[in-house]
PDB file of N, CA and C in Angstrom:
ATOM      1  N   MET A   1      25.882 -17.806 -14.665  1.00  0.00           N
ATOM      2  CA  MET A   1      25.882 -16.428 -14.244  1.00  0.00           C
ATOM      3  C   MET A   1      24.895 -16.271 -13.086  1.00  0.00           C
ATOM      4  N   PRO A   2      25.323 -15.700 -11.957  1.00  0.00           N
ATOM      5  CA  PRO A   2      24.431 -15.536 -10.815  1.00  0.00           C
ATOM      6  C   PRO A   2      23.362 -14.489 -11.122  1.00  0.00           C
ATOM      7  N   PRO A   3      22.180 -14.657 -10.519  1.00  0.00           N
ATOM      8  CA  PRO A   3      21.129 -13.668 -10.760  1.00  0.00           C
ATOM      9  C   PRO A   3      21.514 -12.324 -10.165  1.00  0.00           C
ATOM     10  N   GLN A   4      21.085 -11.275 -10.840  1.00  0.00           N
ATOM     11  CA  GLN A   4      21.358  -9.936 -10.326  1.00  0.00           C
ATOM     12  C   GLN A   4      20.228  -9.507  -9.411  1.00  0.00           C
ATOM     13  N   LEU A   5      20.601  -9.014  -8.264  1.00  0.00           N
ATOM     14  CA  LEU A   5      19.613  -8.517  -7.319  1.00  0.00           C
ATOM     15  C   LEU A   5      19.287  -7.076  -7.665  1.00  0.00           C
ATOM     16  N   ARG A   6      18.028  -6.729  -7.494  1.00  0.00           N
ATOM     17  CA  ARG A   6      17.626  -5.352  -7.731  1.00  0.00           C
ATOM     18  C   ARG A   6      16.796  -4.874  -6.558  1.00  0.00           C
ATOM     19  N   PRO A   7      16.795  -3.582  -6.319  1.00  0.00           N
ATOM     20  CA  PRO A   7      15.998  -3.082  -5.194  1.00  0.00           C
ATOM     21  C   PRO A   7      14.532  -3.421  -5.376  1.00  0.00           C
ATOM     22  N   ALA A   8      13.832  -3.599  -4.265  1.00  0.00           N
ATOM     23  CA  ALA A   8      12.415  -3.957  -4.319  1.00  0.00           C
ATOM     24  C   ALA A   8      11.584  -2.878  -4.989  1.00  0.00           C
ATOM     25  N   THR A   9      12.085  -1.658  -5.016  1.00  0.00           N
ATOM     26  CA  THR A   9      11.319  -0.567  -5.614  1.00  0.00           C
ATOM     27  C   THR A   9      11.544  -0.445  -7.113  1.00  0.00           C
ATOM     28  N   ALA A  10      12.460  -1.211  -7.678  1.00  0.00           N
ATOM     29  CA  ALA A  10      12.774  -1.061  -9.093  1.00  0.00           C
ATOM     30  C   ALA A  10      11.569  -1.322  -9.985  1.00  0.00           C
ATOM     31  N   GLY A  11      10.698  -2.257  -9.613  1.00  0.00           N
ATOM     32  CA  GLY A  11       9.555  -2.583 -10.439  1.00  0.00           C
ATOM     33  C   GLY A  11       8.305  -1.779 -10.131  1.00  0.00           C
ATOM     34  N   LEU A  12       8.360  -0.914  -9.126  1.00  0.00           N
ATOM     35  CA  LEU A  12       7.180  -0.138  -8.754  1.00  0.00           C
ATOM     36  C   LEU A  12       6.924   0.978  -9.749  1.00  0.00           C
ATOM     37  N   SER A  13       5.652   1.173 -10.043  1.00  0.00           N
ATOM     38  CA  SER A  13       5.293   2.314 -10.877  1.00  0.00           C
ATOM     39  C   SER A  13       5.520   3.583 -10.058  1.00  0.00           C
ATOM     40  N   PRO A  14       5.703   4.711 -10.716  1.00  0.00           N
ATOM     41  CA  PRO A  14       5.870   5.960  -9.957  1.00  0.00           C
ATOM     42  C   PRO A  14       4.671   6.245  -9.049  1.00  0.00           C
ATOM     43  N   ARG A  15       3.479   5.901  -9.468  1.00  0.00           N
ATOM     44  CA  ARG A  15       2.285   6.143  -8.655  1.00  0.00           C
ATOM     45  C   ARG A  15       2.291   5.294  -7.391  1.00  0.00           C
ATOM     46  N   LEU A  16       2.612   3.998  -7.530  1.00  0.00           N
ATOM     47  CA  LEU A  16       2.672   3.123  -6.351  1.00  0.00           C
ATOM     48  C   LEU A  16       3.791   3.558  -5.416  1.00  0.00           C
ATOM     49  N   ARG A  17       4.906   4.005  -5.971  1.00  0.00           N
ATOM     50  CA  ARG A  17       6.016   4.484  -5.150  1.00  0.00           C
ATOM     51  C   ARG A  17       5.568   5.719  -4.350  1.00  0.00           C
ATOM     52  N   ALA A  18       4.838   6.632  -4.999  1.00  0.00           N
ATOM     53  CA  ALA A  18       4.355   7.833  -4.313  1.00  0.00           C
ATOM     54  C   ALA A  18       3.375   7.464  -3.198  1.00  0.00           C
ATOM     55  N   LEU A  19       2.485   6.513  -3.472  1.00  0.00           N
ATOM     56  CA  LEU A  19       1.543   6.073  -2.435  1.00  0.00           C
ATOM     57  C   LEU A  19       2.289   5.444  -1.263  1.00  0.00           C
ATOM     58  N   ARG A  20       3.264   4.618  -1.563  1.00  0.00           N
ATOM     59  CA  ARG A  20       4.046   3.979  -0.501  1.00  0.00           C
ATOM     60  C   ARG A  20       4.759   5.022   0.351  1.00  0.00           C
ATOM     61  N   ASP A  21       5.341   6.030  -0.313  1.00  0.00           N
ATOM     62  CA  ASP A  21       6.033   7.081   0.426  1.00  0.00           C
ATOM     63  C   ASP A  21       5.067   7.881   1.297  1.00  0.00           C
ATOM     64  N   THR A  22       3.849   8.091   0.810  1.00  0.00           N
ATOM     65  CA  THR A  22       2.835   8.794   1.598  1.00  0.00           C
ATOM     66  C   THR A  22       2.444   7.972   2.818  1.00  0.00           C
ATOM     67  N   VAL A  23       2.271   6.671   2.640  1.00  0.00           N
ATOM     68  CA  VAL A  23       1.950   5.789   3.774  1.00  0.00           C
ATOM     69  C   VAL A  23       3.059   5.883   4.818  1.00  0.00           C
ATOM     70  N   ARG A  24       4.304   5.823   4.380  1.00  0.00           N
ATOM     71  CA  ARG A  24       5.437   5.920   5.306  1.00  0.00           C
ATOM     72  C   ARG A  24       5.405   7.237   6.083  1.00  0.00           C
ATOM     73  N   ALA A  25       5.146   8.335   5.369  1.00  0.00           N
ATOM     74  CA  ALA A  25       5.145   9.648   6.009  1.00  0.00           C
ATOM     75  C   ALA A  25       3.977   9.795   6.988  1.00  0.00           C
ATOM     76  N   VAL A  26       2.777   9.396   6.576  1.00  0.00           N
ATOM     77  CA  VAL A  26       1.589   9.546   7.418  1.00  0.00           C
ATOM     78  C   VAL A  26       1.725   8.733   8.707  1.00  0.00           C
ATOM     79  N   LEU A  27       2.247   7.524   8.597  1.00  0.00           N
ATOM     80  CA  LEU A  27       2.348   6.648   9.771  1.00  0.00           C
ATOM     81  C   LEU A  27       3.685   6.773  10.493  1.00  0.00           C
ATOM     82  N   GLY A  28       4.616   7.570   9.950  1.00  0.00           N
ATOM     83  CA  GLY A  28       5.919   7.749  10.590  1.00  0.00           C
ATOM     84  C   GLY A  28       6.712   6.451  10.667  1.00  0.00           C
ATOM     85  N   LEU A  29       6.740   5.707   9.565  1.00  0.00           N
ATOM     86  CA  LEU A  29       7.386   4.389   9.551  1.00  0.00           C
ATOM     87  C   LEU A  29       8.880   4.494   9.295  1.00  0.00           C
ATOM     88  N   ASP A  30       9.630   3.577   9.890  1.00  0.00           N
ATOM     89  CA  ASP A  30      11.068   3.513   9.627  1.00  0.00           C
ATOM     90  C   ASP A  30      11.338   2.615   8.424  1.00  0.00           C
ATOM     91  N   ASP A  31      12.597   2.560   8.013  1.00  0.00           N
ATOM     92  CA  ASP A  31      12.962   1.777   6.828  1.00  0.00           C
ATOM     93  C   ASP A  31      12.858   0.273   7.041  1.00  0.00           C
ATOM     94  N   ASP A  32      12.778  -0.172   8.295  1.00  0.00           N
ATOM     95  CA  ASP A  32      12.662  -1.604   8.571  1.00  0.00           C
ATOM     96  C   ASP A  32      11.224  -2.108   8.471  1.00  0.00           C
ATOM     97  N   THR A  33      10.298  -1.219   8.279  1.00  0.00           N
ATOM     98  CA  THR A  33       8.888  -1.598   8.155  1.00  0.00           C
ATOM     99  C   THR A  33       8.530  -1.699   6.678  1.00  0.00           C
ATOM    100  N   ALA A  34       7.982  -2.830   6.291  1.00  0.00           N
ATOM    101  CA  ALA A  34       7.617  -3.050   4.890  1.00  0.00           C
ATOM    102  C   ALA A  34       6.243  -2.448   4.611  1.00  0.00           C
ATOM    103  N   VAL A  35       6.136  -1.788   3.474  1.00  0.00           N
ATOM    104  CA  VAL A  35       4.864  -1.267   2.996  1.00  0.00           C
ATOM    105  C   VAL A  35       4.620  -1.903   1.636  1.00  0.00           C
ATOM    106  N   VAL A  36       3.519  -2.628   1.526  1.00  0.00           N
ATOM    107  CA  VAL A  36       3.174  -3.317   0.281  1.00  0.00           C
ATOM    108  C   VAL A  36       1.858  -2.738  -0.220  1.00  0.00           C
ATOM    109  N   ILE A  37       1.861  -2.308  -1.477  1.00  0.00           N
ATOM    110  CA  ILE A  37       0.645  -1.779  -2.082  1.00  0.00           C
ATOM    111  C   ILE A  37       0.363  -2.596  -3.336  1.00  0.00           C
ATOM    112  N   ARG A  38      -0.830  -3.180  -3.363  1.00  0.00           N
ATOM    113  CA  ARG A  38      -1.220  -4.028  -4.499  1.00  0.00           C
ATOM    114  C   ARG A  38      -2.594  -3.625  -4.975  1.00  0.00           C
ATOM    115  N   GLN A  39      -2.770  -3.712  -6.266  1.00  0.00           N
ATOM    116  CA  GLN A  39      -4.072  -3.420  -6.854  1.00  0.00           C
ATOM    117  C   GLN A  39      -4.653  -4.707  -7.398  1.00  0.00           C
ATOM    118  N   PHE A  40      -5.926  -4.935  -7.114  1.00  0.00           N
ATOM    119  CA  PHE A  40      -6.594  -6.159  -7.548  1.00  0.00           C
ATOM    120  C   PHE A  40      -7.785  -5.816  -8.427  1.00  0.00           C
ATOM    121  N   THR A  41      -8.027  -6.656  -9.409  1.00  0.00           N
ATOM    122  CA  THR A  41      -9.194  -6.539 -10.278  1.00  0.00           C
ATOM    123  C   THR A  41     -10.048  -7.772 -10.059  1.00  0.00           C
ATOM    124  N   TYR A  42     -11.355  -7.574  -9.891  1.00  0.00           N
ATOM    125  CA  TYR A  42     -12.268  -8.682  -9.636  1.00  0.00           C
ATOM    126  C   TYR A  42     -13.369  -8.730 -10.693  1.00  0.00           C
ATOM    127  N   THR A  43     -13.838  -9.921 -10.950  1.00  0.00           N
ATOM    128  CA  THR A  43     -14.962 -10.098 -11.873  1.00  0.00           C
ATOM    129  C   THR A  43     -16.139 -10.786 -11.193  1.00  0.00           C
ATOM    130  N   GLU A  44     -15.976 -11.141  -9.927  1.00  0.00           N
ATOM    131  CA  GLU A  44     -17.050 -11.829  -9.212  1.00  0.00           C
ATOM    132  C   GLU A  44     -18.180 -10.868  -8.872  1.00  0.00           C
ATOM    133  N   PRO A  45     -19.423 -11.334  -8.968  1.00  0.00           N
ATOM    134  CA  PRO A  45     -20.557 -10.490  -8.588  1.00  0.00           C
ATOM    135  C   PRO A  45     -20.479 -10.077  -7.117  1.00  0.00           C
ATOM    136  N   GLY A  46     -20.873  -8.854  -6.848  1.00  0.00           N
ATOM    137  CA  GLY A  46     -20.892  -8.378  -5.479  1.00  0.00           C
ATOM    138  C   GLY A  46     -19.581  -7.790  -4.992  1.00  0.00           C
ATOM    139  N   ARG A  47     -18.538  -7.877  -5.786  1.00  0.00           N
ATOM    140  CA  ARG A  47     -17.246  -7.305  -5.407  1.00  0.00           C
ATOM    141  C   ARG A  47     -16.995  -6.061  -6.222  1.00  0.00           C
ATOM    142  N   PRO A  48     -16.302  -5.076  -5.662  1.00  0.00           N
ATOM    143  CA  PRO A  48     -15.959  -3.909  -6.465  1.00  0.00           C
ATOM    144  C   PRO A  48     -14.996  -4.338  -7.573  1.00  0.00           C
ATOM    145  N   PRO A  49     -15.064  -3.707  -8.740  1.00  0.00           N
ATOM    146  CA  PRO A  49     -14.208  -4.139  -9.842  1.00  0.00           C
ATOM    147  C   PRO A  49     -12.713  -3.932  -9.583  1.00  0.00           C
ATOM    148  N   LEU A  50     -12.386  -2.919  -8.796  1.00  0.00           N
ATOM    149  CA  LEU A  50     -10.988  -2.635  -8.469  1.00  0.00           C
ATOM    150  C   LEU A  50     -10.863  -2.335  -6.987  1.00  0.00           C
ATOM    151  N   GLU A  51      -9.754  -2.756  -6.416  1.00  0.00           N
ATOM    152  CA  GLU A  51      -9.438  -2.314  -5.062  1.00  0.00           C
ATOM    153  C   GLU A  51      -7.932  -2.273  -4.911  1.00  0.00           C
ATOM    154  N   THR A  52      -7.500  -1.353  -4.088  1.00  0.00           N
ATOM    155  CA  THR A  52      -6.087  -1.217  -3.783  1.00  0.00           C
ATOM    156  C   THR A  52      -5.916  -1.562  -2.314  1.00  0.00           C
ATOM    157  N   VAL A  53      -4.998  -2.455  -2.034  1.00  0.00           N
ATOM    158  CA  VAL A  53      -4.764  -2.918  -0.664  1.00  0.00           C
ATOM    159  C   VAL A  53      -3.395  -2.419  -0.208  1.00  0.00           C
ATOM    160  N   VAL A  54      -3.390  -1.778   0.942  1.00  0.00           N
ATOM    161  CA  VAL A  54      -2.165  -1.282   1.559  1.00  0.00           C
ATOM    162  C   VAL A  54      -1.898  -2.152   2.773  1.00  0.00           C
ATOM    163  N   THR A  55      -0.721  -2.747   2.824  1.00  0.00           N
ATOM    164  CA  THR A  55      -0.341  -3.593   3.954  1.00  0.00           C
ATOM    165  C   THR A  55       0.947  -3.059   4.559  1.00  0.00           C
ATOM    166  N   VAL A  56       0.966  -2.940   5.873  1.00  0.00           N
ATOM    167  CA  VAL A  56       2.156  -2.512   6.608  1.00  0.00           C
ATOM    168  C   VAL A  56       2.583  -3.677   7.488  1.00  0.00           C
ATOM    169  N   LEU A  57       3.825  -4.108   7.305  1.00  0.00           N
ATOM    170  CA  LEU A  57       4.378  -5.245   8.054  1.00  0.00           C
ATOM    171  C   LEU A  57       5.571  -4.762   8.876  1.00  0.00           C
ATOM    172  N   ARG A  58       5.401  -4.773  10.175  1.00  0.00           N
ATOM    173  CA  ARG A  58       6.478  -4.329  11.063  1.00  0.00           C
ATOM    174  C   ARG A  58       7.402  -5.497  11.406  1.00  0.00           C
ATOM    175  N   MET A  59       8.611  -5.167  11.766  1.00  0.00           N
ATOM    176  CA  MET A  59       9.610  -6.189  12.099  1.00  0.00           C
ATOM    177  C   MET A  59       9.180  -7.036  13.290  1.00  0.00           C
ATOM    178  N   ASP A  60       8.359  -6.491  14.174  1.00  0.00           N
ATOM    179  CA  ASP A  60       7.924  -7.258  15.343  1.00  0.00           C
ATOM    180  C   ASP A  60       6.791  -8.225  15.013  1.00  0.00           C
ATOM    181  N   GLY A  61       6.410  -8.289  13.732  1.00  0.00           N
ATOM    182  CA  GLY A  61       5.378  -9.224  13.315  1.00  0.00           C
ATOM    183  C   GLY A  61       3.996  -8.629  13.238  1.00  0.00           C
ATOM    184  N   GLU A  62       3.829  -7.410  13.736  1.00  0.00           N
ATOM    185  CA  GLU A  62       2.533  -6.750  13.688  1.00  0.00           C
ATOM    186  C   GLU A  62       2.227  -6.331  12.250  1.00  0.00           C
ATOM    187  N   ALA A  63       1.017  -6.615  11.795  1.00  0.00           N
ATOM    188  CA  ALA A  63       0.623  -6.273  10.424  1.00  0.00           C
ATOM    189  C   ALA A  63      -0.706  -5.519  10.446  1.00  0.00           C
ATOM    190  N   HIS A  64      -0.834  -4.584   9.527  1.00  0.00           N
ATOM    191  CA  HIS A  64      -2.074  -3.822   9.368  1.00  0.00           C
ATOM    192  C   HIS A  64      -2.409  -3.791   7.890  1.00  0.00           C
ATOM    193  N   ARG A  65      -3.709  -3.797   7.597  1.00  0.00           N
ATOM    194  CA  ARG A  65      -4.146  -3.805   6.198  1.00  0.00           C
ATOM    195  C   ARG A  65      -5.330  -2.858   6.016  1.00  0.00           C
ATOM    196  N   TRP A  66      -5.280  -2.090   4.949  1.00  0.00           N
ATOM    197  CA  TRP A  66      -6.353  -1.181   4.580  1.00  0.00           C
ATOM    198  C   TRP A  66      -6.746  -1.480   3.144  1.00  0.00           C
ATOM    199  N   THR A  67      -8.038  -1.424   2.859  1.00  0.00           N
ATOM    200  CA  THR A  67      -8.535  -1.652   1.505  1.00  0.00           C
ATOM    201  C   THR A  67      -9.276  -0.409   1.044  1.00  0.00           C
ATOM    202  N   LEU A  68      -8.864   0.103  -0.104  1.00  0.00           N
ATOM    203  CA  LEU A  68      -9.533   1.250  -0.705  1.00  0.00           C
ATOM    204  C   LEU A  68     -10.173   0.759  -2.002  1.00  0.00           C
ATOM    205  N   HIS A  69     -11.440   1.021  -2.176  1.00  0.00           N
ATOM    206  CA  HIS A  69     -12.188   0.461  -3.300  1.00  0.00           C
ATOM    207  C   HIS A  69     -12.123   1.360  -4.527  1.00  0.00           C
ATOM    208  N   ARG A  70     -10.910   1.537  -4.996  1.00  0.00           N
ATOM    209  CA  ARG A  70     -10.656   2.281  -6.242  1.00  0.00           C
ATOM    210  C   ARG A  70      -9.246   1.958  -6.714  1.00  0.00           C
ATOM    211  N   SER A  71      -8.944   2.359  -7.929  1.00  0.00           N
ATOM    212  CA  SER A  71      -7.621   2.059  -8.468  1.00  0.00           C
ATOM    213  C   SER A  71      -6.573   2.951  -7.809  1.00  0.00           C
ATOM    214  N   ALA A  72      -5.344   2.503  -7.827  1.00  0.00           N
ATOM    215  CA  ALA A  72      -4.244   3.263  -7.233  1.00  0.00           C
ATOM    216  C   ALA A  72      -4.119   4.642  -7.875  1.00  0.00           C
ATOM    217  N   ASP A  73      -4.406   4.744  -9.157  1.00  0.00           N
ATOM    218  CA  ASP A  73      -4.316   6.027  -9.853  1.00  0.00           C
ATOM    219  C   ASP A  73      -5.334   7.042  -9.355  1.00  0.00           C
ATOM    220  N   GLN A  74      -6.413   6.575  -8.736  1.00  0.00           N
ATOM    221  CA  GLN A  74      -7.465   7.461  -8.255  1.00  0.00           C
ATOM    222  C   GLN A  74      -7.325   7.824  -6.781  1.00  0.00           C
ATOM    223  N   ILE A  75      -6.388   7.203  -6.092  1.00  0.00           N
ATOM    224  CA  ILE A  75      -6.226   7.442  -4.657  1.00  0.00           C
ATOM    225  C   ILE A  75      -5.392   8.695  -4.446  1.00  0.00           C
ATOM    226  N   THR A  76      -5.921   9.599  -3.634  1.00  0.00           N
ATOM    227  CA  THR A  76      -5.212  10.831  -3.323  1.00  0.00           C
ATOM    228  C   THR A  76      -4.539  10.708  -1.953  1.00  0.00           C
ATOM    229  N   GLU A  77      -3.696  11.666  -1.655  1.00  0.00           N
ATOM    230  CA  GLU A  77      -3.068  11.691  -0.335  1.00  0.00           C
ATOM    231  C   GLU A  77      -4.144  11.834   0.745  1.00  0.00           C
ATOM    232  N   HIS A  78      -5.159  12.633   0.463  1.00  0.00           N
ATOM    233  CA  HIS A  78      -6.268  12.797   1.413  1.00  0.00           C
ATOM    234  C   HIS A  78      -6.964  11.449   1.673  1.00  0.00           C
ATOM    235  N   ASP A  79      -7.201  10.664   0.602  1.00  0.00           N
ATOM    236  CA  ASP A  79      -7.821   9.339   0.757  1.00  0.00           C
ATOM    237  C   ASP A  79      -6.986   8.450   1.676  1.00  0.00           C
ATOM    238  N   LEU A  80      -5.675   8.456   1.440  1.00  0.00           N
ATOM    239  CA  LEU A  80      -4.789   7.622   2.258  1.00  0.00           C
ATOM    240  C   LEU A  80      -4.814   8.068   3.719  1.00  0.00           C
ATOM    241  N   ARG A  81      -4.689   9.359   3.935  1.00  0.00           N
ATOM    242  CA  ARG A  81      -4.699   9.870   5.312  1.00  0.00           C
ATOM    243  C   ARG A  81      -5.990   9.480   6.025  1.00  0.00           C
ATOM    244  N   ALA A  82      -7.116   9.654   5.343  1.00  0.00           N
ATOM    245  CA  ALA A  82      -8.407   9.326   5.952  1.00  0.00           C
ATOM    246  C   ALA A  82      -8.482   7.845   6.312  1.00  0.00           C
ATOM    247  N   ALA A  83      -8.056   6.983   5.408  1.00  0.00           N
ATOM    248  CA  ALA A  83      -8.120   5.533   5.662  1.00  0.00           C
ATOM    249  C   ALA A  83      -7.143   5.118   6.756  1.00  0.00           C
ATOM    250  N   LEU A  84      -5.900   5.551   6.663  1.00  0.00           N
ATOM    251  CA  LEU A  84      -4.872   5.124   7.609  1.00  0.00           C
ATOM    252  C   LEU A  84      -5.130   5.642   9.011  1.00  0.00           C
ATOM    253  N   LEU A  85      -5.512   6.890   9.133  1.00  0.00           N
ATOM    254  CA  LEU A  85      -5.690   7.470  10.462  1.00  0.00           C
ATOM    255  C   LEU A  85      -7.004   7.040  11.090  1.00  0.00           C
ATOM    256  N   HIS A  86      -8.034   6.816  10.299  1.00  0.00           N
ATOM    257  CA  HIS A  86      -9.308   6.320  10.838  1.00  0.00           C
ATOM    258  C   HIS A  86      -9.115   4.941  11.449  1.00  0.00           C
ATOM    259  N   ARG A  87      -8.457   4.079  10.746  1.00  0.00           N
ATOM    260  CA  ARG A  87      -8.220   2.707  11.222  1.00  0.00           C
ATOM    261  C   ARG A  87      -7.325   2.708  12.440  1.00  0.00           C
ATOM    262  N   ARG A  88      -6.379   3.631  12.466  1.00  0.00           N
ATOM    263  CA  ARG A  88      -5.423   3.690  13.564  1.00  0.00           C
ATOM    264  C   ARG A  88      -6.096   4.041  14.879  1.00  0.00           C
ATOM    265  N   ARG A  89      -7.145   4.855  14.808  1.00  0.00           N
ATOM    266  CA  ARG A  89      -7.849   5.265  16.021  1.00  0.00           C
ATOM    267  C   ARG A  89      -8.642   4.126  16.632  1.00  0.00           C
ATOM    268  N   ASN A  90      -9.026   3.129  15.842  1.00  0.00           N
ATOM    269  CA  ASN A  90      -9.857   2.022  16.339  1.00  0.00           C
ATOM    270  C   ASN A  90      -9.078   1.078  17.212  1.00  0.00           C
TER     271      ASN A  90
END
């Protein structure tokens, strides 16, 4: 039996999906641009215990990455706008 393909968003939590949609809206991204949001937990000294990484991968190969030092559940639309637009100006 061949494997069944499923949309890439099928496994996303509703919160991660909402964050991804906010990133798309804030940056005005098209459907050909990939937005990846991952949450990491660390136990190493000197690192924050949680961080959420937002990566935008454009079809032309250009990539951008933002790191927010909190869990995805704690990130607001305001947090995303501040991080994405601040980095964009640099």
